Amino acid sequence: MLEIAALQRRIRACRLCQEHGYLARAYPLVSGRATDRVMVIGQAPGHRSITNDRPFSGPGGRILQKWLERAGFPPGYLHEHTYLTSLTRCDPGKNLHGEGDRRPSPAEMALCRPFLDAELHLLRPQVVLLLGTMAIEAFFGKMRLDDVIGTYQEREETFFLPLPHPSGVSRWLNDSAHQRLLEQALAHLAAWRVMYEL
C-alpha cells in the first residue's frame, strides 16, 4: 500500500511533458487505492477531470459508471472501488482539427508509460478495462474495435477487457451491432464480478 502511495506522489510531481515542451502546464492526475481490483486505463484526462482533480468526472465517467451497473456493480463503484489511470496523466488540450481532446503523441505516452507499468506491477488487478482505441492498441496492437470489443485476453492472471471509449463524441455505439458487442464485453465483466467477488 505504501508503494502505491509513493508512486502516486511521483506521478503528481512529474513535469516531464512540460519540460519537453508538449504541454504549457503539467497537472498529472492520480486516483485509486492499493486495494482496488479493477483498473481502468483511458487515453488521458480531459479538462473537466483536471478542473475537478478527479478522473472521469465528466460525461464519459457517467457513461462508464452506467456500464458498470449493467454488469451488476453498485452505483458509485467507478470512483470508490476502481483504480483510474490512463496512457498519459495530464490534459493534452483540445483537438485543433475537430471535436474532442487532442490525442497524446507517442512521445508523450512514452514518457508516461513507466508510471502505468509500475501501477500494473504493484496493483496486480484482477480486471483491466481498456477504454478506447488508443488504450486498446497500447496493449493489443493495432486492430479494429469491431474485431476486439466483446473479446478479452488473460495475462498473468489478469483479464484485459477492451471497451469502446464512453465519449459523447464517439459515433461507434450508434450501430446496433456494436451495441451487441458492448453487451458481450459487459457479460464477461459481470461473470468476473461474481466469480472473483469484485
C-alpha atoms as a PDB file:
ATOM      1  CA  MET A   1       0.000   0.000   0.000  1.00  0.00           C
ATOM      2  CA  LEU A   2       2.865   2.358   0.818  1.00  0.00           C
ATOM      3  CA  GLU A   3       4.443   1.606  -2.561  1.00  0.00           C
ATOM      4  CA  ILE A   4       1.321   2.699  -4.467  1.00  0.00           C
ATOM      5  CA  ALA A   5       1.110   5.901  -2.389  1.00  0.00           C
ATOM      6  CA  ALA A   6       4.790   6.660  -3.112  1.00  0.00           C
ATOM      7  CA  LEU A   7       4.273   6.024  -6.830  1.00  0.00           C
ATOM      8  CA  GLN A   8       1.248   8.318  -6.884  1.00  0.00           C
ATOM      9  CA  ARG A   9       3.316  11.087  -5.269  1.00  0.00           C
ATOM     10  CA  ARG A  10       5.945  10.677  -8.001  1.00  0.00           C
ATOM     11  CA  ILE A  11       3.268  10.876 -10.691  1.00  0.00           C
ATOM     12  CA  ARG A  12       1.794  14.012  -9.122  1.00  0.00           C
ATOM     13  CA  ALA A  13       5.244  15.645  -9.089  1.00  0.00           C
ATOM     14  CA  CYS A  14       6.044  14.747 -12.732  1.00  0.00           C
ATOM     15  CA  ARG A  15       6.647  17.686 -15.099  1.00  0.00           C
ATOM     16  CA  LEU A  16       8.325  15.814 -17.967  1.00  0.00           C
ATOM     17  CA  CYS A  17       5.802  16.759 -20.690  1.00  0.00           C
ATOM     18  CA  GLN A  18       6.036  20.396 -19.637  1.00  0.00           C
ATOM     19  CA  GLU A  19       9.856  20.284 -19.626  1.00  0.00           C
ATOM     20  CA  HIS A  20       9.858  18.695 -23.108  1.00  0.00           C
ATOM     21  CA  GLY A  21       7.505  21.370 -24.450  1.00  0.00           C
ATOM     22  CA  TYR A  22       4.470  19.144 -25.083  1.00  0.00           C
ATOM     23  CA  LEU A  23       2.296  20.976 -22.548  1.00  0.00           C
ATOM     24  CA  ALA A  24       2.227  24.551 -21.309  1.00  0.00           C
ATOM     25  CA  ARG A  25       1.489  23.296 -17.795  1.00  0.00           C
ATOM     26  CA  ALA A  26       1.634  19.763 -16.452  1.00  0.00           C
ATOM     27  CA  TYR A  27      -1.036  18.718 -13.963  1.00  0.00           C
ATOM     28  CA  PRO A  28      -0.927  14.929 -13.548  1.00  0.00           C
ATOM     29  CA  LEU A  29      -3.919  13.130 -12.055  1.00  0.00           C
ATOM     30  CA  VAL A  30      -3.965  10.003  -9.913  1.00  0.00           C
ATOM     31  CA  SER A  31      -6.944   8.170  -8.433  1.00  0.00           C
ATOM     32  CA  GLY A  32      -7.152   4.808  -6.763  1.00  0.00           C
ATOM     33  CA  ARG A  33      -6.278   2.641  -3.816  1.00  0.00           C
ATOM     34  CA  ALA A  34      -3.879  -0.270  -3.378  1.00  0.00           C
ATOM     35  CA  THR A  35      -6.882  -2.496  -2.600  1.00  0.00           C
ATOM     36  CA  ASP A  36      -8.674  -1.843  -5.920  1.00  0.00           C
ATOM     37  CA  ARG A  37      -9.027  -4.982  -8.043  1.00  0.00           C
ATOM     38  CA  VAL A  38     -10.446  -3.342 -11.162  1.00  0.00           C
ATOM     39  CA  MET A  39      -8.267  -0.900 -13.109  1.00  0.00           C
ATOM     40  CA  VAL A  40      -9.492   1.428 -15.862  1.00  0.00           C
ATOM     41  CA  ILE A  41      -6.968   2.653 -18.432  1.00  0.00           C
ATOM     42  CA  GLY A  42      -8.113   5.554 -20.590  1.00  0.00           C
ATOM     43  CA  GLN A  43      -6.407   7.847 -23.081  1.00  0.00           C
ATOM     44  CA  ALA A  44      -5.801  10.950 -20.957  1.00  0.00           C
ATOM     45  CA  PRO A  45      -7.782  13.095 -18.519  1.00  0.00           C
ATOM     46  CA  GLY A  46      -9.917  15.841 -20.004  1.00  0.00           C
ATOM     47  CA  HIS A  47     -10.283  19.421 -18.839  1.00  0.00           C
ATOM     48  CA  ARG A  48     -13.242  18.623 -16.536  1.00  0.00           C
ATOM     49  CA  SER A  49     -11.186  15.965 -14.768  1.00  0.00           C
ATOM     50  CA  ILE A  50      -8.313  18.401 -14.262  1.00  0.00           C
ATOM     51  CA  THR A  51     -10.668  21.128 -13.010  1.00  0.00           C
ATOM     52  CA  ASN A  52     -12.292  18.697 -10.551  1.00  0.00           C
ATOM     53  CA  ASP A  53      -8.990  16.922  -9.738  1.00  0.00           C
ATOM     54  CA  ARG A  54     -10.874  13.683 -10.379  1.00  0.00           C
ATOM     55  CA  PRO A  55     -10.516  11.361 -13.414  1.00  0.00           C
ATOM     56  CA  PHE A  56     -13.668  10.520 -15.360  1.00  0.00           C
ATOM     57  CA  SER A  57     -15.621  13.336 -13.727  1.00  0.00           C
ATOM     58  CA  GLY A  58     -17.306  14.366 -16.996  1.00  0.00           C
ATOM     59  CA  PRO A  59     -19.946  12.698 -19.201  1.00  0.00           C
ATOM     60  CA  GLY A  60     -17.609   9.795 -20.029  1.00  0.00           C
ATOM     61  CA  GLY A  61     -17.386   8.867 -16.362  1.00  0.00           C
ATOM     62  CA  ARG A  62     -21.167   8.841 -16.033  1.00  0.00           C
ATOM     63  CA  ILE A  63     -21.485   6.567 -19.080  1.00  0.00           C
ATOM     64  CA  LEU A  64     -18.785   4.238 -17.750  1.00  0.00           C
ATOM     65  CA  GLN A  65     -20.490   4.034 -14.347  1.00  0.00           C
ATOM     66  CA  LYS A  66     -23.732   3.056 -16.126  1.00  0.00           C
ATOM     67  CA  TRP A  67     -21.870   0.303 -17.997  1.00  0.00           C
ATOM     68  CA  LEU A  68     -20.544  -0.993 -14.676  1.00  0.00           C
ATOM     69  CA  GLU A  69     -24.066  -1.003 -13.279  1.00  0.00           C
ATOM     70  CA  ARG A  70     -25.242  -3.007 -16.318  1.00  0.00           C
ATOM     71  CA  ALA A  71     -22.578  -5.561 -15.320  1.00  0.00           C
ATOM     72  CA  GLY A  72     -24.003  -5.675 -11.773  1.00  0.00           C
ATOM     73  CA  PHE A  73     -21.706  -3.245  -9.957  1.00  0.00           C
ATOM     74  CA  PRO A  74     -23.304  -0.791  -7.498  1.00  0.00           C
ATOM     75  CA  PRO A  75     -23.718   2.970  -8.030  1.00  0.00           C
ATOM     76  CA  GLY A  76     -20.525   4.833  -7.160  1.00  0.00           C
ATOM     77  CA  TYR A  77     -18.262   1.843  -7.857  1.00  0.00           C
ATOM     78  CA  LEU A  78     -16.240   3.682 -10.519  1.00  0.00           C
ATOM     79  CA  HIS A  79     -14.819   6.307  -8.170  1.00  0.00           C
ATOM     80  CA  GLU A  80     -14.992   4.366  -4.898  1.00  0.00           C
ATOM     81  CA  HIS A  81     -13.507   0.976  -5.847  1.00  0.00           C
ATOM     82  CA  THR A  82     -11.774   1.313  -9.231  1.00  0.00           C
ATOM     83  CA  TYR A  83      -8.184   2.355  -9.894  1.00  0.00           C
ATOM     84  CA  LEU A  84      -8.430   5.041 -12.575  1.00  0.00           C
ATOM     85  CA  THR A  85      -5.403   5.651 -14.760  1.00  0.00           C
ATOM     86  CA  SER A  86      -4.505   6.500 -18.351  1.00  0.00           C
ATOM     87  CA  LEU A  87      -1.830   6.406 -21.029  1.00  0.00           C
ATOM     88  CA  THR A  88      -0.886   9.997 -20.130  1.00  0.00           C
ATOM     89  CA  ARG A  89      -1.741  11.804 -16.896  1.00  0.00           C
ATOM     90  CA  CYS A  90      -2.267  15.413 -17.984  1.00  0.00           C
ATOM     91  CA  ASP A  91      -4.938  17.061 -20.117  1.00  0.00           C
ATOM     92  CA  PRO A  92      -3.463  17.192 -23.658  1.00  0.00           C
ATOM     93  CA  GLY A  93      -5.811  20.048 -24.579  1.00  0.00           C
ATOM     94  CA  LYS A  94      -8.389  20.422 -27.299  1.00  0.00           C
ATOM     95  CA  ASN A  95      -8.113  18.848 -30.719  1.00  0.00           C
ATOM     96  CA  LEU A  96      -7.143  21.689 -33.058  1.00  0.00           C
ATOM     97  CA  HIS A  97      -8.698  19.930 -36.084  1.00  0.00           C
ATOM     98  CA  GLY A  98     -12.092  18.834 -34.780  1.00  0.00           C
ATOM     99  CA  GLU A  99     -14.154  17.817 -31.785  1.00  0.00           C
ATOM    100  CA  GLY A 100     -12.905  16.397 -28.537  1.00  0.00           C
ATOM    101  CA  ASP A 101      -9.460  16.315 -26.972  1.00  0.00           C
ATOM    102  CA  ARG A 102      -6.082  16.117 -28.674  1.00  0.00           C
ATOM    103  CA  ARG A 103      -4.637  12.604 -28.878  1.00  0.00           C
ATOM    104  CA  PRO A 104      -1.418  12.343 -26.835  1.00  0.00           C
ATOM    105  CA  SER A 105       1.625  11.849 -29.054  1.00  0.00           C
ATOM    106  CA  PRO A 106       3.727   8.649 -28.975  1.00  0.00           C
ATOM    107  CA  ALA A 107       6.485  10.676 -27.282  1.00  0.00           C
ATOM    108  CA  GLU A 108       4.119  11.822 -24.503  1.00  0.00           C
ATOM    109  CA  MET A 109       2.865   8.274 -23.996  1.00  0.00           C
ATOM    110  CA  ALA A 110       6.444   7.002 -23.801  1.00  0.00           C
ATOM    111  CA  LEU A 111       7.217   9.493 -21.015  1.00  0.00           C
ATOM    112  CA  CYS A 112       4.201   8.280 -19.002  1.00  0.00           C
ATOM    113  CA  ARG A 113       4.409   4.543 -19.731  1.00  0.00           C
ATOM    114  CA  PRO A 114       6.816   3.681 -16.871  1.00  0.00           C
ATOM    115  CA  PHE A 115       4.226   5.003 -14.410  1.00  0.00           C
ATOM    116  CA  LEU A 116       1.493   2.832 -15.932  1.00  0.00           C
ATOM    117  CA  ASP A 117       3.721  -0.240 -15.957  1.00  0.00           C
ATOM    118  CA  ALA A 118       4.590   0.372 -12.297  1.00  0.00           C
ATOM    119  CA  GLU A 119       0.897   0.684 -11.367  1.00  0.00           C
ATOM    120  CA  LEU A 120       0.104  -2.620 -13.087  1.00  0.00           C
ATOM    121  CA  HIS A 121       3.061  -4.314 -11.388  1.00  0.00           C
ATOM    122  CA  LEU A 122       2.214  -3.045  -7.890  1.00  0.00           C
ATOM    123  CA  LEU A 123      -1.565  -3.330  -8.069  1.00  0.00           C
ATOM    124  CA  ARG A 124      -1.833  -6.658  -9.947  1.00  0.00           C
ATOM    125  CA  PRO A 125      -5.530  -6.026 -10.704  1.00  0.00           C
ATOM    126  CA  GLN A 126      -7.940  -8.851 -11.435  1.00  0.00           C
ATOM    127  CA  VAL A 127      -9.518  -6.941 -14.340  1.00  0.00           C
ATOM    128  CA  VAL A 128      -8.183  -4.132 -16.543  1.00  0.00           C
ATOM    129  CA  LEU A 129     -10.677  -2.185 -18.653  1.00  0.00           C
ATOM    130  CA  LEU A 130      -9.028  -0.702 -21.754  1.00  0.00           C
ATOM    131  CA  LEU A 131     -11.111   2.286 -22.839  1.00  0.00           C
ATOM    132  CA  GLY A 132     -10.999   3.325 -26.459  1.00  0.00           C
ATOM    133  CA  THR A 133      -8.737   2.707 -29.426  1.00  0.00           C
ATOM    134  CA  MET A 134      -5.545   4.221 -28.011  1.00  0.00           C
ATOM    135  CA  ALA A 135      -5.638   2.238 -24.756  1.00  0.00           C
ATOM    136  CA  ILE A 136      -6.547  -0.965 -26.594  1.00  0.00           C
ATOM    137  CA  GLU A 137      -3.730  -0.554 -29.130  1.00  0.00           C
ATOM    138  CA  ALA A 138      -1.208   0.180 -26.365  1.00  0.00           C
ATOM    139  CA  PHE A 139      -1.767  -3.382 -25.092  1.00  0.00           C
ATOM    140  CA  PHE A 140      -3.129  -5.382 -28.046  1.00  0.00           C
ATOM    141  CA  GLY A 141      -1.534  -3.685 -31.059  1.00  0.00           C
ATOM    142  CA  LYS A 142      -3.377  -2.083 -33.953  1.00  0.00           C
ATOM    143  CA  MET A 143      -6.841  -3.528 -34.561  1.00  0.00           C
ATOM    144  CA  ARG A 144     -10.423  -2.526 -35.336  1.00  0.00           C
ATOM    145  CA  LEU A 145     -12.903  -2.038 -32.496  1.00  0.00           C
ATOM    146  CA  ASP A 146     -15.309  -4.357 -34.351  1.00  0.00           C
ATOM    147  CA  ASP A 147     -12.778  -7.190 -34.022  1.00  0.00           C
ATOM    148  CA  VAL A 148     -11.825  -6.718 -30.367  1.00  0.00           C
ATOM    149  CA  ILE A 149     -14.859  -5.449 -28.411  1.00  0.00           C
ATOM    150  CA  GLY A 150     -16.570  -8.457 -26.832  1.00  0.00           C
ATOM    151  CA  THR A 151     -13.277 -10.371 -26.520  1.00  0.00           C
ATOM    152  CA  TYR A 152     -10.634 -10.360 -23.784  1.00  0.00           C
ATOM    153  CA  GLN A 153      -7.113 -11.552 -23.070  1.00  0.00           C
ATOM    154  CA  GLU A 154      -5.801 -13.126 -19.886  1.00  0.00           C
ATOM    155  CA  ARG A 155      -2.217 -12.239 -18.986  1.00  0.00           C
ATOM    156  CA  GLU A 156      -0.586 -13.391 -15.765  1.00  0.00           C
ATOM    157  CA  GLU A 157      -3.991 -13.944 -14.095  1.00  0.00           C
ATOM    158  CA  THR A 158      -5.283 -10.506 -15.101  1.00  0.00           C
ATOM    159  CA  PHE A 159      -8.161 -10.130 -17.579  1.00  0.00           C
ATOM    160  CA  PHE A 160      -7.728  -7.306 -20.111  1.00  0.00           C
ATOM    161  CA  LEU A 161     -11.134  -6.268 -21.451  1.00  0.00           C
ATOM    162  CA  PRO A 162     -11.364  -3.798 -24.365  1.00  0.00           C
ATOM    163  CA  LEU A 163     -14.266  -1.350 -24.291  1.00  0.00           C
ATOM    164  CA  PRO A 164     -15.227   1.477 -26.644  1.00  0.00           C
ATOM    165  CA  HIS A 165     -14.494   4.920 -25.303  1.00  0.00           C
ATOM    166  CA  PRO A 166     -17.511   6.181 -23.300  1.00  0.00           C
ATOM    167  CA  SER A 167     -17.470   9.509 -25.081  1.00  0.00           C
ATOM    168  CA  GLY A 168     -20.271  11.646 -26.445  1.00  0.00           C
ATOM    169  CA  VAL A 169     -18.014  12.400 -29.423  1.00  0.00           C
ATOM    170  CA  SER A 170     -17.720   8.730 -30.463  1.00  0.00           C
ATOM    171  CA  ARG A 171     -20.252   7.511 -33.026  1.00  0.00           C
ATOM    172  CA  TRP A 172     -19.203   3.850 -32.861  1.00  0.00           C
ATOM    173  CA  LEU A 173     -22.002   2.834 -30.496  1.00  0.00           C
ATOM    174  CA  ASN A 174     -24.690   4.288 -32.769  1.00  0.00           C
ATOM    175  CA  ASP A 175     -24.642   0.945 -34.637  1.00  0.00           C
ATOM    176  CA  SER A 176     -26.866  -1.754 -33.071  1.00  0.00           C
ATOM    177  CA  ALA A 177     -24.290  -4.469 -33.930  1.00  0.00           C
ATOM    178  CA  HIS A 178     -21.715  -2.510 -31.940  1.00  0.00           C
ATOM    179  CA  GLN A 179     -24.127  -2.263 -29.008  1.00  0.00           C
ATOM    180  CA  ARG A 180     -24.338  -6.074 -29.047  1.00  0.00           C
ATOM    181  CA  LEU A 181     -20.522  -6.289 -28.910  1.00  0.00           C
ATOM    182  CA  LEU A 182     -20.553  -3.990 -25.884  1.00  0.00           C
ATOM    183  CA  GLU A 183     -23.147  -6.275 -24.244  1.00  0.00           C
ATOM    184  CA  GLN A 184     -20.819  -9.250 -24.799  1.00  0.00           C
ATOM    185  CA  ALA A 185     -17.987  -7.337 -23.110  1.00  0.00           C
ATOM    186  CA  LEU A 186     -20.189  -6.376 -20.160  1.00  0.00           C
ATOM    187  CA  ALA A 187     -21.312 -10.020 -19.838  1.00  0.00           C
ATOM    188  CA  HIS A 188     -17.655 -11.033 -19.358  1.00  0.00           C
ATOM    189  CA  LEU A 189     -17.281  -8.319 -16.747  1.00  0.00           C
ATOM    190  CA  ALA A 190     -20.461  -9.437 -14.968  1.00  0.00           C
ATOM    191  CA  ALA A 191     -19.178 -13.017 -14.796  1.00  0.00           C
ATOM    192  CA  TRP A 192     -15.840 -11.934 -13.321  1.00  0.00           C
ATOM    193  CA  ARG A 193     -17.635  -9.731 -10.774  1.00  0.00           C
ATOM    194  CA  VAL A 194     -19.422 -12.820  -9.427  1.00  0.00           C
ATOM    195  CA  MET A 195     -16.505 -15.235  -9.798  1.00  0.00           C
ATOM    196  CA  TYR A 196     -13.950 -13.022  -8.055  1.00  0.00           C
ATOM    197  CA  GLU A 197     -16.353 -11.077  -5.793  1.00  0.00           C
ATOM    198  CA  LEU A 198     -15.246  -7.749  -7.236  1.00  0.00           C
END
